[in-house]
């Protein structure tokens, strides 16, 4: 086997390094092109602010007649079934209220909903969670009432109900099972165990996160109550024992009424 000399080894290493540099520059230029292909547009409405990204390149998009496309033209966002004009939405989508609280967040790919979509109320409570893939519902759909309780839980595949579908009210839940959009009897039909496990695992994680958020909120409320009590005590010391009476019907009113009964 022929052995390379020092000069030949140096030349081989140099060529190898140049090849690596060219490869990296090609990757970075592609990423930069992907970023510059999009442009963020901000639209101001009387009650909300909309931030969208539009596709600037003249990329030819093969339109499917059964999908809804979202597009931008003449300073407004529109949608059509099976077609578009102007620039399609491509990238992050955010809706804010006038206080800059987030009301909705999602993602578009070539004018189609893609990935995770969420919607909140003005207090930050989650109202809706959806999973999309190239313009079709694929995955979980969860909806919540204004108190944060789960109102509906369903699983979709290619825009069709596929798996457990559960609706809750204040008393009980209605559970159904669908297979490719057709409702079947769970006792008579074959239920995929793996899909059931995935569904309940995700729901368990959601419930766990909700409980954690609730505990953090309760802890914050307790801290605020403690701070308020400390302020009242300081005010009492400054005013020589006089404290501003609480609102009528409060807990302290009830305590005073109990003492009044004891004196009588």
Protein backbone atom coordinates (compact mmCIF):
# COMPACT_ATOMS: atom_id res chain seq x y z
CA UNK A 1 0.00 0.00 0.00
CA UNK A 2 1.34 3.41 -0.99
CA UNK A 3 2.06 5.86 1.86
CA UNK A 4 1.30 9.57 1.49
CA UNK A 5 3.96 12.14 2.22
CA UNK A 6 3.49 15.17 4.47
CA UNK A 7 2.74 17.55 1.59
CA UNK A 8 0.14 15.16 0.14
CA UNK A 9 -1.53 14.74 3.55
CA UNK A 10 -1.72 18.52 3.99
CA UNK A 11 -3.29 18.86 0.54
CA UNK A 12 -5.86 16.12 1.28
CA UNK A 13 -6.82 17.78 4.59
CA UNK A 14 -7.14 21.15 2.85
CA UNK A 15 -9.45 19.71 0.18
CA UNK A 16 -11.55 17.98 2.86
CA UNK A 17 -11.93 21.24 4.83
CA UNK A 18 -12.95 23.13 1.67
CA UNK A 19 -15.61 20.53 0.90
CA UNK A 20 -17.02 20.89 4.44
CA UNK A 21 -17.08 24.71 4.18
CA UNK A 22 -18.92 24.56 0.85
CA UNK A 23 -21.49 22.12 2.31
CA UNK A 24 -22.12 24.32 5.37
CA UNK A 25 -22.45 27.48 3.27
CA UNK A 26 -24.99 25.71 1.06
CA UNK A 27 -27.07 24.65 4.09
CA UNK A 28 -26.97 28.15 5.62
CA UNK A 29 -27.92 29.79 2.32
CA UNK A 30 -30.93 27.45 2.05
CA UNK A 31 -32.04 28.32 5.60
CA UNK A 32 -31.60 32.03 4.91
CA UNK A 33 -33.66 31.68 1.73
CA UNK A 34 -36.45 29.91 3.67
CA UNK A 35 -36.52 32.76 6.20
CA UNK A 36 -36.46 35.56 3.61
CA UNK A 37 -39.22 33.84 1.62
CA UNK A 38 -41.62 34.89 4.41
CA UNK A 39 -42.66 38.37 5.49
CA UNK A 40 -44.54 39.25 8.68
CA UNK A 41 -47.64 41.40 8.28
CA UNK A 42 -49.38 43.12 11.22
CA UNK A 43 -53.06 44.04 10.88
CA UNK A 44 -54.76 46.30 13.43
CA UNK A 45 -58.48 45.89 14.09
CA UNK A 46 -60.73 47.78 16.56
CA UNK A 47 -60.63 44.93 19.11
CA UNK A 48 -57.57 42.85 18.14
CA UNK A 49 -54.14 42.69 16.50
CA UNK A 50 -53.34 40.04 13.90
CA UNK A 51 -49.78 38.94 13.12
CA UNK A 52 -49.39 36.69 10.08
CA UNK A 53 -46.57 35.52 7.83
CA UNK A 54 -47.04 35.45 4.07
CA UNK A 55 -45.11 33.53 1.42
CA UNK A 56 -43.22 35.91 -0.89
CA UNK A 57 -41.76 33.41 -3.36
CA UNK A 58 -43.61 32.49 -6.52
CA UNK A 59 -43.67 28.86 -5.49
CA UNK A 60 -46.32 26.92 -7.41
CA UNK A 61 -48.78 25.34 -4.97
CA UNK A 62 -50.85 22.41 -6.12
CA UNK A 63 -54.37 23.25 -4.93
CA UNK A 64 -56.70 20.54 -3.65
CA UNK A 65 -60.42 21.17 -4.00
CA UNK A 66 -61.36 19.78 -0.58
CA UNK A 67 -58.94 21.91 1.46
CA UNK A 68 -59.36 25.45 2.84
CA UNK A 69 -56.60 27.89 1.85
CA UNK A 70 -55.81 31.09 3.79
CA UNK A 71 -54.32 34.00 1.85
CA UNK A 72 -53.49 37.70 2.13
CA UNK A 73 -54.44 40.46 -0.29
CA UNK A 74 -55.46 44.14 -0.08
CA UNK A 75 -54.51 44.37 3.61
CA UNK A 76 -56.81 41.57 4.71
CA UNK A 77 -56.75 37.81 5.32
CA UNK A 78 -59.28 35.67 3.47
CA UNK A 79 -59.95 31.97 3.01
CA UNK A 80 -61.39 29.84 0.24
CA UNK A 81 -62.19 26.20 -0.32
CA UNK A 82 -60.03 24.82 -3.09
CA UNK A 83 -58.31 28.03 -4.17
CA UNK A 84 -56.61 31.32 -3.32
CA UNK A 85 -55.38 34.59 -4.78
CA UNK A 86 -52.69 36.93 -3.50
CA UNK A 87 -50.09 35.56 -1.09
CA UNK A 88 -50.78 32.42 0.94
CA UNK A 89 -50.13 32.41 4.68
CA UNK A 90 -46.97 30.55 5.60
CA UNK A 91 -45.57 30.44 9.12
CA UNK A 92 -46.68 31.64 12.52
CA UNK A 93 -50.14 33.11 13.10
CA UNK A 94 -50.98 35.09 16.27
CA UNK A 95 -54.05 37.03 17.46
CA UNK A 96 -53.71 39.51 20.36
CA UNK A 97 -56.29 41.63 22.12
CA UNK A 98 -55.76 45.37 22.68
CA UNK A 99 -53.96 44.62 25.98
CA UNK A 100 -51.47 42.39 24.10
CA UNK A 101 -52.96 39.18 25.61
CA UNK A 102 -52.70 36.24 23.23
CA UNK A 103 -56.07 34.98 22.00
CA UNK A 104 -54.97 32.52 19.31
CA UNK A 105 -51.80 30.92 18.01
CA UNK A 106 -51.16 28.56 15.13
CA UNK A 107 -49.08 27.81 12.08
CA UNK A 108 -49.67 27.70 8.33
CA UNK A 109 -47.83 25.78 5.64
CA UNK A 110 -48.44 26.90 2.05
CA UNK A 111 -51.81 28.39 3.00
CA UNK A 112 -53.00 25.38 5.02
CA UNK A 113 -53.34 24.93 8.77
CA UNK A 114 -50.49 22.77 10.01
CA UNK A 115 -49.33 21.72 13.47
CA UNK A 116 -50.76 22.75 16.85
CA UNK A 117 -53.45 25.45 17.12
CA UNK A 118 -54.65 27.01 20.39
CA UNK A 119 -57.28 29.55 21.39
CA UNK A 120 -57.60 31.32 24.78
CA UNK A 121 -60.11 33.58 26.51
CA UNK A 122 -59.16 37.09 27.66
CA UNK A 123 -58.13 35.76 31.08
CA UNK A 124 -55.64 33.33 29.53
CA UNK A 125 -57.76 30.20 29.99
CA UNK A 126 -57.44 27.61 27.23
CA UNK A 127 -60.61 27.29 25.13
CA UNK A 128 -59.49 25.08 22.27
CA UNK A 129 -56.59 22.81 21.33
CA UNK A 130 -56.30 21.35 17.83
CA UNK A 131 -53.77 19.31 15.86
CA UNK A 132 -53.60 19.77 12.07
CA UNK A 133 -51.56 18.33 9.23
CA UNK A 134 -51.53 20.00 5.81
CA UNK A 135 -55.03 21.43 6.07
CA UNK A 136 -56.71 18.44 7.71
CA UNK A 137 -57.44 17.68 11.35
CA UNK A 138 -55.04 14.96 12.45
CA UNK A 139 -54.76 14.25 16.15
CA UNK A 140 -56.51 15.66 19.18
CA UNK A 141 -59.33 18.19 19.41
CA UNK A 142 -59.98 19.46 22.93
CA UNK A 143 -62.44 22.21 23.88
CA UNK A 144 -62.96 23.78 27.31
CA UNK A 145 -65.61 25.92 28.95
CA UNK A 146 -64.85 29.30 30.56
CA UNK A 147 -64.10 27.63 33.91
CA UNK A 148 -61.32 25.54 32.36
CA UNK A 149 -63.22 22.25 32.48
CA UNK A 150 -62.96 19.88 29.53
CA UNK A 151 -66.12 20.10 27.38
CA UNK A 152 -65.17 17.91 24.41
CA UNK A 153 -62.35 15.50 23.62
CA UNK A 154 -61.98 13.82 20.24
CA UNK A 155 -59.38 12.32 17.95
CA UNK A 156 -59.24 12.87 14.19
CA UNK A 157 -57.46 11.22 11.29
CA UNK A 158 -57.54 12.86 7.85
CA UNK A 159 -60.40 15.15 8.94
CA UNK A 160 -62.53 12.22 10.16
CA UNK A 161 -63.34 11.26 13.76
CA UNK A 162 -61.14 8.29 14.51
CA UNK A 163 -61.07 7.03 18.10
CA UNK A 164 -62.83 8.14 21.25
CA UNK A 165 -65.21 11.08 21.09
CA UNK A 166 -66.32 12.38 24.48
CA UNK A 167 -68.64 15.27 25.37
CA UNK A 168 -68.91 16.47 28.96
CA UNK A 169 -71.50 18.52 30.78
CA UNK A 170 -71.83 19.45 34.47
CA UNK A 171 -73.31 16.06 35.37
CA UNK A 172 -71.92 13.31 33.13
CA UNK A 173 -69.99 12.57 29.95
CA UNK A 174 -71.20 11.04 26.68
CA UNK A 175 -68.63 8.68 25.17
CA UNK A 176 -68.68 7.42 21.59
CA UNK A 177 -66.17 5.59 19.44
CA UNK A 178 -65.51 6.29 15.75
CA UNK A 179 -63.53 4.43 13.13
CA UNK A 180 -62.66 6.51 10.03
CA UNK A 181 -65.67 8.76 10.60
CA UNK A 182 -68.17 5.98 11.28
CA UNK A 183 -69.55 5.46 14.80
CA UNK A 184 -69.19 1.89 16.04
CA UNK A 185 -70.14 0.03 19.20
CA UNK A 186 -66.98 -0.35 21.34
CA UNK A 187 -68.28 -3.66 22.72
CA UNK A 188 -68.93 -5.15 19.31
CA UNK A 189 -66.24 -3.43 17.24
CA UNK A 190 -62.50 -3.90 17.45
CA UNK A 191 -60.92 -1.06 19.43
CA UNK A 192 -57.21 -0.41 18.79
CA UNK A 193 -55.62 -0.61 22.24
CA UNK A 194 -52.62 1.47 21.22
CA UNK A 195 -54.80 4.42 20.18
CA UNK A 196 -56.71 4.26 23.46
CA UNK A 197 -53.45 4.33 25.43
CA UNK A 198 -52.12 7.31 23.48
CA UNK A 199 -55.38 9.21 23.90
CA UNK A 200 -55.59 8.69 27.64
CA UNK A 201 -51.86 9.39 28.10
CA UNK A 202 -52.26 12.82 26.47
CA UNK A 203 -55.40 13.55 28.45
CA UNK A 204 -53.61 12.57 31.68
CA UNK A 205 -50.74 14.96 30.90
CA UNK A 206 -53.23 17.74 30.17
CA UNK A 207 -55.09 17.15 33.44
CA UNK A 208 -51.78 17.03 35.31
CA UNK A 209 -50.69 20.35 33.78
CA UNK A 210 -54.07 21.89 34.57
CA UNK A 211 -53.82 20.82 38.21
CA UNK A 212 -50.32 22.24 38.43
CA UNK A 213 -51.50 25.57 36.97
CA UNK A 214 -54.39 25.61 39.44
CA UNK A 215 -52.03 25.00 42.38
CA UNK A 216 -49.76 27.81 41.22
CA UNK A 217 -52.76 30.13 40.89
CA UNK A 218 -53.98 29.24 44.40
CA UNK A 219 -50.49 29.87 45.78
CA UNK A 220 -50.42 33.25 44.05
CA UNK A 221 -53.87 34.12 45.42
CA UNK A 222 -52.73 33.23 48.95
CA UNK A 223 -49.68 35.44 48.60
CA UNK A 224 -51.84 38.33 47.39
CA UNK A 225 -54.25 37.83 50.31
CA UNK A 226 -51.33 37.79 52.75
CA UNK A 227 -49.95 40.99 51.26
CA UNK A 228 -53.37 42.63 51.51
CA UNK A 229 -53.66 41.55 55.15
CA UNK A 230 -50.21 42.94 55.93
CA UNK A 231 -51.15 46.25 54.33
CA UNK A 232 -54.32 46.42 56.44
CA UNK A 233 -52.34 45.74 59.60
CA UNK A 234 -49.85 48.46 58.72
CA UNK A 235 -52.69 50.86 58.00
CA UNK A 236 -54.25 49.97 61.36
CA UNK A 237 -51.03 50.78 63.18
CA UNK A 238 -50.66 54.09 61.35
CA UNK A 239 -54.25 55.18 62.02
CA UNK A 240 -54.19 54.23 65.70
CA UNK A 241 -56.21 51.04 65.46
CA UNK A 242 -58.74 52.25 62.85
CA UNK A 243 -59.17 50.12 59.77
CA UNK A 244 -61.31 50.84 56.76
CA UNK A 245 -64.40 48.61 57.18
CA UNK A 246 -64.68 45.82 54.63
CA UNK A 247 -67.41 45.65 52.05
CA UNK A 248 -70.87 44.70 53.22
CA UNK A 249 -71.50 40.98 53.18
CA UNK A 250 -67.83 40.05 53.55
CA UNK A 251 -66.44 37.44 55.91
CA UNK A 252 -65.56 40.15 58.44
CA UNK A 253 -69.19 41.38 58.46
CA UNK A 254 -70.30 37.89 59.40
CA UNK A 255 -67.74 37.75 62.21
CA UNK A 256 -68.94 41.13 63.56
CA UNK A 257 -72.55 39.91 63.47
CA UNK A 258 -71.55 36.83 65.50
CA UNK A 259 -69.90 39.01 68.15
CA UNK A 260 -72.93 41.29 68.24
CA UNK A 261 -75.19 38.29 68.94
CA UNK A 262 -72.90 37.20 71.78
CA UNK A 263 -73.06 40.68 73.38
CA UNK A 264 -76.88 40.69 73.18
